[in-house]
């Protein structure tokens, strides 16, 4: 029998390998290793890689166990926080991110950042928004419970998410009800119901009405977008008829034939109700969604170097300084927007433009010390829009700041044109007022100035003390003086601090000089003086408020100059401001 050379070679190799394995085993017992004999061929035995258990794909059973373990981890404080505390204000993305966290340290950090993103005053150790949410939860549990905790009811949901309504129409006992025209008119009987009205909800709109019906008369009012749901006689034949049904112009069964969102019946506004059905559905979706994080997009734009993709939104800013104490100064920040730069949306004969303003003040170490932000709305009948666009809109926020150097950033967005953004950045040097130095506030040239009722003293926009003072803001930057027309009054306001008081008479002794100069001729058109004692003889602080009609002035450039000479301490202070007359 012939044996193939290849088979002989295989047999020899097998024998050599076997003999090496025996020798290796014998040497291992003696603590040595015998190398394999040379065969003329270099062989490297393959190294088996150990699988990484962290990268191994989980089977279905392991995935299920992992999900169960995750659910078991979300107990106690963390489960309550997710399922109760932030139930209605957390976004889906945030909820999923929280569920994916694997330890308590990560969860604590997430919760802290969650509240901080919504904090209206990031520099404060307190969080007004968080405190407000927990206050709303407590109120909901106390007032809206109905066989379940108040926070789980629809009224609790809305109250926690959106806050206290501006007005509530209550029909706690139901009974006889005269329908408004938009619901078909006529008289019916209703279940208990409430209508909550909000003048404005961020991300939802203006004049938002929400209706809650207690159809079981058990105290559990549920939210509805069907205004006919409160009608207790809706399914009773020939009862609770609308005005058109009473007059034989329609039949009650026709309410249910159209298959619409509501069964209000035929009326003078039926067609309009049908056209607004999708609007009501859209509004309901926005109401039930978590409230938007206010001005988050503006905040992102403020801290980034994002390149504008649309036209720049130009606006003007004025800052003033009014002493409160030596350690605190009020800084009124006035923002002026030309209405012609706002995008208006016209609907139902009304043109509405909306602007969002967001600002922040940071100190020299880049720590944010104040933030502010509000919506500004301009509305006009559509036929008067052209004239409205020739005017300006003015917004003010007064910030309390200690003396020092700051940086202020303000961004503004045109709501109806989201790519229309603007940004304003300046330094802010808040002055130091010393007790032994004669000083003064900003000199404010105002287009409106008047006394406010006692209940409005010190509160509201443009109110300083007991006076409403709306500054006339320069258009085009601080180098351009504010413009007045000859039909207006020039109002100017300024405070004087630390007048000397005579020790014997206990009175001040200062002279106040007022001048209005024509910059064209450098000659005064007004030059008067008055003693400080005439305003308040015993005060070391005075408020100067003057009004001057401009009808006698020719168009041109002018300057208001105020000088105070204090004879008691032999000090003086002065301030001036330019303006133009058209």
Foldseek 3Di string as FASTA:
>chain_A
DDDDPVVVVVVVVVVQVVVQVVVQVVVVVVVDGDDRDDPPDDDDDDDDDDDDPVPDDDDPVVVVVVLVVLVVVCDDPNVCCCCPLCVQADAPVLSVVLSPDDDPVVNVVSVVVVQCLQAQFNQDPDGPLSVVLVVLLVVQQVPQDFVHGSCPAQVNSLCNQFNAFPDKDWDLQWAWDFDDQLLQGFIATFATKMKGWHQAAVPQGGGDIWMWGDPVSRRRTHTALAPCPRGPCLPPAPGRDGPCVVVVNDHSVVLPVVVARYSSDDGPCVVVVRVCRVVSVVSVVRSSHRRDSPCPVVVVVQPDPDDQPDDEQDKFKDWWWADDDLFKIKIKIKIKHQLLSADWDDDPQKTKWKKKKKKFKAAPVRHTRHIDIDMDMDMDGPVCVVVSNRDMDMDIDIDMDTFDKIKMKMKMATVVDRSHIYIDIDMDGHDGDDQQAKDKIDKAWAQDKDFDPPVCAPHDPCHDGRMRGHGQTADPDPVGAGEDEQQTKTKIKMKIANADADPPVLFWWKKKWKFKAAPVVRHTPDIDMDTPVVQPGNDRMGMDIDIGRRNPPDWHKMKIKMKMATPRSRDIDIDMGMYTYD
